[in-house]
Amino acid sequence: MPEEPAAETFEASLDALEKVVKELEAGDLPLERSLDLFEKGMALSETCRKQLEEAESRVEILMRRAGEMQPQPFRNDKG
């Protein structure tokens, strides 16, 4: 499988990560292919994490500039 160009947007990175996960979950892959996919998935995961951290920082800066609200850590109360 040829290498795909690096995903530039969060959405593209997340989509590529989902494809990697689906292929790994399907199973019946040779060990080398599984390792390649795992490595690619880890890199995509790191890319998504960094992009989310950057977005969070930008939101906090905007909130501070507005002066109306203080930045609060994101809490996911759904679980």
PDB file of N, CA and C in Angstrom:
ATOM      1  N   MET A   1       0.844  -1.182   0.000  1.00  0.00           N
ATOM      2  CA  MET A   1       0.000   0.000   0.000  1.00  0.00           C
ATOM      3  C   MET A   1       0.884   1.238   0.000  1.00  0.00           C
ATOM      4  N   PRO A   2       0.718   2.151  -0.978  1.00  0.00           N
ATOM      5  CA  PRO A   2       1.564   3.337  -1.036  1.00  0.00           C
ATOM      6  C   PRO A   2       1.280   4.262   0.135  1.00  0.00           C
ATOM      7  N   GLU A   3       2.317   4.994   0.519  1.00  0.00           N
ATOM      8  CA  GLU A   3       2.158   5.953   1.611  1.00  0.00           C
ATOM      9  C   GLU A   3       1.213   7.068   1.195  1.00  0.00           C
ATOM     10  N   GLU A   4       0.326   7.426   2.117  1.00  0.00           N
ATOM     11  CA  GLU A   4      -0.588   8.539   1.863  1.00  0.00           C
ATOM     12  C   GLU A   4       0.105   9.832   2.256  1.00  0.00           C
ATOM     13  N   PRO A   5      -0.229  10.950   1.600  1.00  0.00           N
ATOM     14  CA  PRO A   5       0.359  12.217   2.014  1.00  0.00           C
ATOM     15  C   PRO A   5      -0.078  12.548   3.429  1.00  0.00           C
ATOM     16  N   ALA A   6       0.753  13.301   4.121  1.00  0.00           N
ATOM     17  CA  ALA A   6       0.440  13.672   5.503  1.00  0.00           C
ATOM     18  C   ALA A   6      -0.873  14.446   5.557  1.00  0.00           C
ATOM     19  N   ALA A   7      -1.717  14.048   6.484  1.00  0.00           N
ATOM     20  CA  ALA A   7      -2.993  14.736   6.655  1.00  0.00           C
ATOM     21  C   ALA A   7      -2.727  16.107   7.271  1.00  0.00           C
ATOM     22  N   GLU A   8      -3.376  17.120   6.738  1.00  0.00           N
ATOM     23  CA  GLU A   8      -3.108  18.472   7.200  1.00  0.00           C
ATOM     24  C   GLU A   8      -4.127  18.953   8.223  1.00  0.00           C
ATOM     25  N   THR A   9      -5.366  18.566   8.093  1.00  0.00           N
ATOM     26  CA  THR A   9      -6.375  19.054   9.018  1.00  0.00           C
ATOM     27  C   THR A   9      -6.650  18.006  10.091  1.00  0.00           C
ATOM     28  N   PHE A  10      -7.242  18.471  11.187  1.00  0.00           N
ATOM     29  CA  PHE A  10      -7.615  17.555  12.257  1.00  0.00           C
ATOM     30  C   PHE A  10      -8.568  16.497  11.729  1.00  0.00           C
ATOM     31  N   GLU A  11      -9.535  16.934  10.952  1.00  0.00           N
ATOM     32  CA  GLU A  11     -10.540  16.007  10.433  1.00  0.00           C
ATOM     33  C   GLU A  11      -9.908  14.947   9.538  1.00  0.00           C
ATOM     34  N   ALA A  12      -8.967  15.361   8.693  1.00  0.00           N
ATOM     35  CA  ALA A  12      -8.295  14.409   7.808  1.00  0.00           C
ATOM     36  C   ALA A  12      -7.442  13.428   8.615  1.00  0.00           C
ATOM     37  N   SER A  13      -6.761  13.937   9.645  1.00  0.00           N
ATOM     38  CA  SER A  13      -5.953  13.066  10.500  1.00  0.00           C
ATOM     39  C   SER A  13      -6.824  12.069  11.243  1.00  0.00           C
ATOM     40  N   LEU A  14      -7.947  12.543  11.757  1.00  0.00           N
ATOM     41  CA  LEU A  14      -8.855  11.671  12.488  1.00  0.00           C
ATOM     42  C   LEU A  14      -9.451  10.608  11.565  1.00  0.00           C
ATOM     43  N   ASP A  15      -9.808  11.009  10.350  1.00  0.00           N
ATOM     44  CA  ASP A  15     -10.353  10.062   9.380  1.00  0.00           C
ATOM     45  C   ASP A  15      -9.321   8.980   9.043  1.00  0.00           C
ATOM     46  N   ALA A  16      -8.083   9.400   8.830  1.00  0.00           N
ATOM     47  CA  ALA A  16      -7.021   8.438   8.527  1.00  0.00           C
ATOM     48  C   ALA A  16      -6.794   7.501   9.714  1.00  0.00           C
ATOM     49  N   LEU A  17      -6.852   8.044  10.929  1.00  0.00           N
ATOM     50  CA  LEU A  17      -6.688   7.217  12.127  1.00  0.00           C
ATOM     51  C   LEU A  17      -7.816   6.192  12.243  1.00  0.00           C
ATOM     52  N   GLU A  18      -9.028   6.610  11.951  1.00  0.00           N
ATOM     53  CA  GLU A  18     -10.159   5.677  11.999  1.00  0.00           C
ATOM     54  C   GLU A  18      -9.991   4.542  10.993  1.00  0.00           C
ATOM     55  N   LYS A  19      -9.468   4.844   9.814  1.00  0.00           N
ATOM     56  CA  LYS A  19      -9.231   3.811   8.804  1.00  0.00           C
ATOM     57  C   LYS A  19      -8.173   2.818   9.274  1.00  0.00           C
ATOM     58  N   VAL A  20      -7.131   3.331   9.918  1.00  0.00           N
ATOM     59  CA  VAL A  20      -6.083   2.462  10.449  1.00  0.00           C
ATOM     60  C   VAL A  20      -6.668   1.522  11.502  1.00  0.00           C
ATOM     61  N   VAL A  21      -7.461   2.079  12.409  1.00  0.00           N
ATOM     62  CA  VAL A  21      -8.062   1.274  13.472  1.00  0.00           C
ATOM     63  C   VAL A  21      -8.968   0.195  12.889  1.00  0.00           C
ATOM     64  N   LYS A  22      -9.786   0.556  11.911  1.00  0.00           N
ATOM     65  CA  LYS A  22     -10.680  -0.434  11.293  1.00  0.00           C
ATOM     66  C   LYS A  22      -9.893  -1.562  10.647  1.00  0.00           C
ATOM     67  N   GLU A  23      -8.812  -1.214   9.967  1.00  0.00           N
ATOM     68  CA  GLU A  23      -8.012  -2.256   9.314  1.00  0.00           C
ATOM     69  C   GLU A  23      -7.363  -3.165  10.351  1.00  0.00           C
ATOM     70  N   LEU A  24      -6.868  -2.581  11.446  1.00  0.00           N
ATOM     71  CA  LEU A  24      -6.277  -3.394  12.502  1.00  0.00           C
ATOM     72  C   LEU A  24      -7.323  -4.281  13.172  1.00  0.00           C
ATOM     73  N   GLU A  25      -8.505  -3.743  13.388  1.00  0.00           N
ATOM     74  CA  GLU A  25      -9.566  -4.511  14.033  1.00  0.00           C
ATOM     75  C   GLU A  25     -10.074  -5.647  13.154  1.00  0.00           C
ATOM     76  N   ALA A  26      -9.948  -5.495  11.845  1.00  0.00           N
ATOM     77  CA  ALA A  26     -10.401  -6.539  10.929  1.00  0.00           C
ATOM     78  C   ALA A  26      -9.574  -7.806  11.095  1.00  0.00           C
ATOM     79  N   GLY A  27      -8.337  -7.639  11.542  1.00  0.00           N
ATOM     80  CA  GLY A  27      -7.484  -8.798  11.807  1.00  0.00           C
ATOM     81  C   GLY A  27      -6.967  -9.449  10.551  1.00  0.00           C
ATOM     82  N   ASP A  28      -6.398 -10.634  10.712  1.00  0.00           N
ATOM     83  CA  ASP A  28      -5.850 -11.433   9.609  1.00  0.00           C
ATOM     84  C   ASP A  28      -4.805 -10.670   8.806  1.00  0.00           C
ATOM     85  N   LEU A  29      -4.017  -9.849   9.485  1.00  0.00           N
ATOM     86  CA  LEU A  29      -2.952  -9.108   8.813  1.00  0.00           C
ATOM     87  C   LEU A  29      -1.612  -9.750   9.143  1.00  0.00           C
ATOM     88  N   PRO A  30      -0.690  -9.694   8.201  1.00  0.00           N
ATOM     89  CA  PRO A  30       0.663 -10.150   8.525  1.00  0.00           C
ATOM     90  C   PRO A  30       1.252  -9.254   9.628  1.00  0.00           C
ATOM     91  N   LEU A  31       2.149  -9.798  10.402  1.00  0.00           N
ATOM     92  CA  LEU A  31       2.741  -9.065  11.518  1.00  0.00           C
ATOM     93  C   LEU A  31       3.350  -7.740  11.064  1.00  0.00           C
ATOM     94  N   GLU A  32       4.085  -7.750   9.984  1.00  0.00           N
ATOM     95  CA  GLU A  32       4.749  -6.521   9.521  1.00  0.00           C
ATOM     96  C   GLU A  32       3.726  -5.444   9.165  1.00  0.00           C
ATOM     97  N   ARG A  33       2.637  -5.831   8.516  1.00  0.00           N
ATOM     98  CA  ARG A  33       1.577  -4.868   8.167  1.00  0.00           C
ATOM     99  C   ARG A  33       0.935  -4.312   9.435  1.00  0.00           C
ATOM    100  N   SER A  34       0.704  -5.176  10.410  1.00  0.00           N
ATOM    101  CA  SER A  34       0.124  -4.727  11.679  1.00  0.00           C
ATOM    102  C   SER A  34       1.031  -3.719  12.369  1.00  0.00           C
ATOM    103  N   LEU A  35       2.326  -4.000  12.365  1.00  0.00           N
ATOM    104  CA  LEU A  35       3.272  -3.074  12.979  1.00  0.00           C
ATOM    105  C   LEU A  35       3.319  -1.741  12.243  1.00  0.00           C
ATOM    106  N   ASP A  36       3.297  -1.796  10.916  1.00  0.00           N
ATOM    107  CA  ASP A  36       3.286  -0.557  10.131  1.00  0.00           C
ATOM    108  C   ASP A  36       2.038   0.269  10.429  1.00  0.00           C
ATOM    109  N   LEU A  37       0.897  -0.404  10.476  1.00  0.00           N
ATOM    110  CA  LEU A  37      -0.351   0.302  10.772  1.00  0.00           C
ATOM    111  C   LEU A  37      -0.346   0.872  12.185  1.00  0.00           C
ATOM    112  N   PHE A  38       0.167   0.106  13.141  1.00  0.00           N
ATOM    113  CA  PHE A  38       0.237   0.590  14.513  1.00  0.00           C
ATOM    114  C   PHE A  38       1.103   1.843  14.601  1.00  0.00           C
ATOM    115  N   GLU A  39       2.257   1.815  13.934  1.00  0.00           N
ATOM    116  CA  GLU A  39       3.157   2.968  13.931  1.00  0.00           C
ATOM    117  C   GLU A  39       2.476   4.185  13.298  1.00  0.00           C
ATOM    118  N   LYS A  40       1.802   3.961  12.179  1.00  0.00           N
ATOM    119  CA  LYS A  40       1.081   5.053  11.513  1.00  0.00           C
ATOM    120  C   LYS A  40      -0.023   5.594  12.420  1.00  0.00           C
ATOM    121  N   GLY A  41      -0.744   4.699  13.083  1.00  0.00           N
ATOM    122  CA  GLY A  41      -1.816   5.107  13.985  1.00  0.00           C
ATOM    123  C   GLY A  41      -1.302   5.932  15.147  1.00  0.00           C
ATOM    124  N   MET A  42      -0.172   5.544  15.704  1.00  0.00           N
ATOM    125  CA  MET A  42       0.415   6.303  16.811  1.00  0.00           C
ATOM    126  C   MET A  42       0.811   7.709  16.353  1.00  0.00           C
ATOM    127  N   ALA A  43       1.376   7.809  15.161  1.00  0.00           N
ATOM    128  CA  ALA A  43       1.764   9.118  14.638  1.00  0.00           C
ATOM    129  C   ALA A  43       0.528   9.987  14.396  1.00  0.00           C
ATOM    130  N   LEU A  44      -0.523   9.401  13.835  1.00  0.00           N
ATOM    131  CA  LEU A  44      -1.759  10.150  13.610  1.00  0.00           C
ATOM    132  C   LEU A  44      -2.396  10.574  14.928  1.00  0.00           C
ATOM    133  N   SER A  45      -2.347   9.706  15.910  1.00  0.00           N
ATOM    134  CA  SER A  45      -2.889  10.023  17.228  1.00  0.00           C
ATOM    135  C   SER A  45      -2.151  11.211  17.838  1.00  0.00           C
ATOM    136  N   GLU A  46      -0.848  11.219  17.710  1.00  0.00           N
ATOM    137  CA  GLU A  46      -0.045  12.329  18.227  1.00  0.00           C
ATOM    138  C   GLU A  46      -0.366  13.628  17.488  1.00  0.00           C
ATOM    139  N   THR A  47      -0.547  13.533  16.185  1.00  0.00           N
ATOM    140  CA  THR A  47      -0.913  14.712  15.395  1.00  0.00           C
ATOM    141  C   THR A  47      -2.249  15.280  15.868  1.00  0.00           C
ATOM    142  N   CYS A  48      -3.231  14.409  16.063  1.00  0.00           N
ATOM    143  CA  CYS A  48      -4.549  14.853  16.544  1.00  0.00           C
ATOM    144  C   CYS A  48      -4.443  15.475  17.926  1.00  0.00           C
ATOM    145  N   ARG A  49      -3.672  14.844  18.810  1.00  0.00           N
ATOM    146  CA  ARG A  49      -3.507  15.366  20.174  1.00  0.00           C
ATOM    147  C   ARG A  49      -2.913  16.767  20.155  1.00  0.00           C
ATOM    148  N   LYS A  50      -1.879  16.965  19.348  1.00  0.00           N
ATOM    149  CA  LYS A  50      -1.241  18.279  19.255  1.00  0.00           C
ATOM    150  C   LYS A  50      -2.210  19.323  18.711  1.00  0.00           C
ATOM    151  N   GLN A  51      -2.975  18.950  17.689  1.00  0.00           N
ATOM    152  CA  GLN A  51      -3.930  19.893  17.108  1.00  0.00           C
ATOM    153  C   GLN A  51      -5.011  20.265  18.123  1.00  0.00           C
ATOM    154  N   LEU A  52      -5.461  19.308  18.912  1.00  0.00           N
ATOM    155  CA  LEU A  52      -6.465  19.603  19.941  1.00  0.00           C
ATOM    156  C   LEU A  52      -5.891  20.501  21.024  1.00  0.00           C
ATOM    157  N   GLU A  53      -4.651  20.273  21.425  1.00  0.00           N
ATOM    158  CA  GLU A  53      -4.012  21.122  22.423  1.00  0.00           C
ATOM    159  C   GLU A  53      -3.872  22.557  21.913  1.00  0.00           C
ATOM    160  N   GLU A  54      -3.497  22.703  20.637  1.00  0.00           N
ATOM    161  CA  GLU A  54      -3.380  24.035  20.049  1.00  0.00           C
ATOM    162  C   GLU A  54      -4.729  24.737  20.012  1.00  0.00           C
ATOM    163  N   ALA A  55      -5.772  24.008  19.665  1.00  0.00           N
ATOM    164  CA  ALA A  55      -7.115  24.593  19.626  1.00  0.00           C
ATOM    165  C   ALA A  55      -7.543  25.019  21.028  1.00  0.00           C
ATOM    166  N   GLU A  56      -7.269  24.187  22.014  1.00  0.00           N
ATOM    167  CA  GLU A  56      -7.623  24.517  23.395  1.00  0.00           C
ATOM    168  C   GLU A  56      -6.903  25.791  23.845  1.00  0.00           C
ATOM    169  N   SER A  57      -5.627  25.911  23.499  1.00  0.00           N
ATOM    170  CA  SER A  57      -4.861  27.111  23.849  1.00  0.00           C
ATOM    171  C   SER A  57      -5.448  28.353  23.197  1.00  0.00           C
ATOM    172  N   ARG A  58      -5.831  28.223  21.945  1.00  0.00           N
ATOM    173  CA  ARG A  58      -6.424  29.371  21.248  1.00  0.00           C
ATOM    174  C   ARG A  58      -7.727  29.792  21.900  1.00  0.00           C
ATOM    175  N   VAL A  59      -8.549  28.837  22.289  1.00  0.00           N
ATOM    176  CA  VAL A  59      -9.819  29.149  22.944  1.00  0.00           C
ATOM    177  C   VAL A  59      -9.556  29.854  24.273  1.00  0.00           C
ATOM    178  N   GLU A  60      -8.582  29.353  25.050  1.00  0.00           N
ATOM    179  CA  GLU A  60      -8.269  29.981  26.326  1.00  0.00           C
ATOM    180  C   GLU A  60      -7.799  31.423  26.136  1.00  0.00           C
ATOM    181  N   ILE A  61      -6.983  31.661  25.127  1.00  0.00           N
ATOM    182  CA  ILE A  61      -6.509  33.022  24.853  1.00  0.00           C
ATOM    183  C   ILE A  61      -7.683  33.923  24.498  1.00  0.00           C
ATOM    184  N   LEU A  62      -8.564  33.442  23.656  1.00  0.00           N
ATOM    185  CA  LEU A  62      -9.728  34.243  23.263  1.00  0.00           C
ATOM    186  C   LEU A  62     -10.623  34.535  24.459  1.00  0.00           C
ATOM    187  N   MET A  63     -10.773  33.568  25.336  1.00  0.00           N
ATOM    188  CA  MET A  63     -11.603  33.779  26.518  1.00  0.00           C
ATOM    189  C   MET A  63     -10.962  34.799  27.450  1.00  0.00           C
ATOM    190  N   ARG A  64      -9.653  34.750  27.594  1.00  0.00           N
ATOM    191  CA  ARG A  64      -8.953  35.725  28.437  1.00  0.00           C
ATOM    192  C   ARG A  64      -9.067  37.120  27.858  1.00  0.00           C
ATOM    193  N   ARG A  65      -8.959  37.238  26.541  1.00  0.00           N
ATOM    194  CA  ARG A  65      -9.058  38.543  25.886  1.00  0.00           C
ATOM    195  C   ARG A  65     -10.435  39.155  26.090  1.00  0.00           C
ATOM    196  N   ALA A  66     -11.442  38.308  26.052  1.00  0.00           N
ATOM    197  CA  ALA A  66     -12.798  38.805  26.229  1.00  0.00           C
ATOM    198  C   ALA A  66     -13.009  39.304  27.650  1.00  0.00           C
ATOM    199  N   GLY A  67     -12.267  38.769  28.603  1.00  0.00           N
ATOM    200  CA  GLY A  67     -12.345  39.220  29.977  1.00  0.00           C
ATOM    201  C   GLY A  67     -13.612  38.796  30.696  1.00  0.00           C
ATOM    202  N   GLU A  68     -14.510  38.173  30.020  1.00  0.00           N
ATOM    203  CA  GLU A  68     -15.777  37.812  30.627  1.00  0.00           C
ATOM    204  C   GLU A  68     -15.706  36.463  31.331  1.00  0.00           C
ATOM    205  N   MET A  69     -14.841  35.601  30.854  1.00  0.00           N
ATOM    206  CA  MET A  69     -14.786  34.253  31.405  1.00  0.00           C
ATOM    207  C   MET A  69     -13.339  33.884  31.664  1.00  0.00           C
ATOM    208  N   GLN A  70     -13.130  33.055  32.619  1.00  0.00           N
ATOM    209  CA  GLN A  70     -11.799  32.530  32.887  1.00  0.00           C
ATOM    210  C   GLN A  70     -11.697  31.152  32.255  1.00  0.00           C
ATOM    211  N   PRO A  71     -10.549  30.821  31.665  1.00  0.00           N
ATOM    212  CA  PRO A  71     -10.414  29.507  31.052  1.00  0.00           C
ATOM    213  C   PRO A  71     -10.573  28.410  32.096  1.00  0.00           C
ATOM    214  N   GLN A  72     -11.297  27.386  31.739  1.00  0.00           N
ATOM    215  CA  GLN A  72     -11.518  26.234  32.589  1.00  0.00           C
ATOM    216  C   GLN A  72     -11.082  24.991  31.835  1.00  0.00           C
ATOM    217  N   PRO A  73     -10.498  24.034  32.519  1.00  0.00           N
ATOM    218  CA  PRO A  73     -10.145  22.792  31.829  1.00  0.00           C
ATOM    219  C   PRO A  73     -11.414  22.125  31.308  1.00  0.00           C
ATOM    220  N   PHE A  74     -11.285  21.518  30.139  1.00  0.00           N
ATOM    221  CA  PHE A  74     -12.426  20.819  29.545  1.00  0.00           C
ATOM    222  C   PHE A  74     -12.700  19.578  30.357  1.00  0.00           C
ATOM    223  N   ARG A  75     -13.953  19.396  30.720  1.00  0.00           N
ATOM    224  CA  ARG A  75     -14.359  18.192  31.442  1.00  0.00           C
ATOM    225  C   ARG A  75     -15.468  17.519  30.642  1.00  0.00           C
ATOM    226  N   ASN A  76     -15.276  16.255  30.402  1.00  0.00           N
ATOM    227  CA  ASN A  76     -16.278  15.476  29.691  1.00  0.00           C
ATOM    228  C   ASN A  76     -17.115  14.767  30.747  1.00  0.00           C
ATOM    229  N   ASP A  77     -18.319  15.255  30.974  1.00  0.00           N
ATOM    230  CA  ASP A  77     -19.194  14.700  32.006  1.00  0.00           C
ATOM    231  C   ASP A  77     -20.063  13.568  31.493  1.00  0.00           C
ATOM    232  N   LYS A  78     -19.777  13.064  30.288  1.00  0.00           N
ATOM    233  CA  LYS A  78     -20.614  12.019  29.694  1.00  0.00           C
ATOM    234  C   LYS A  78     -20.240  10.622  30.174  1.00  0.00           C
ATOM    235  N   GLY A  79     -19.226  10.445  30.932  1.00  0.00           N
ATOM    236  CA  GLY A  79     -18.810   9.091  31.246  1.00  0.00           C
ATOM    237  C   GLY A  79     -18.810   8.827  32.642  1.00  0.00           C
TER     238      GLY A  79
END
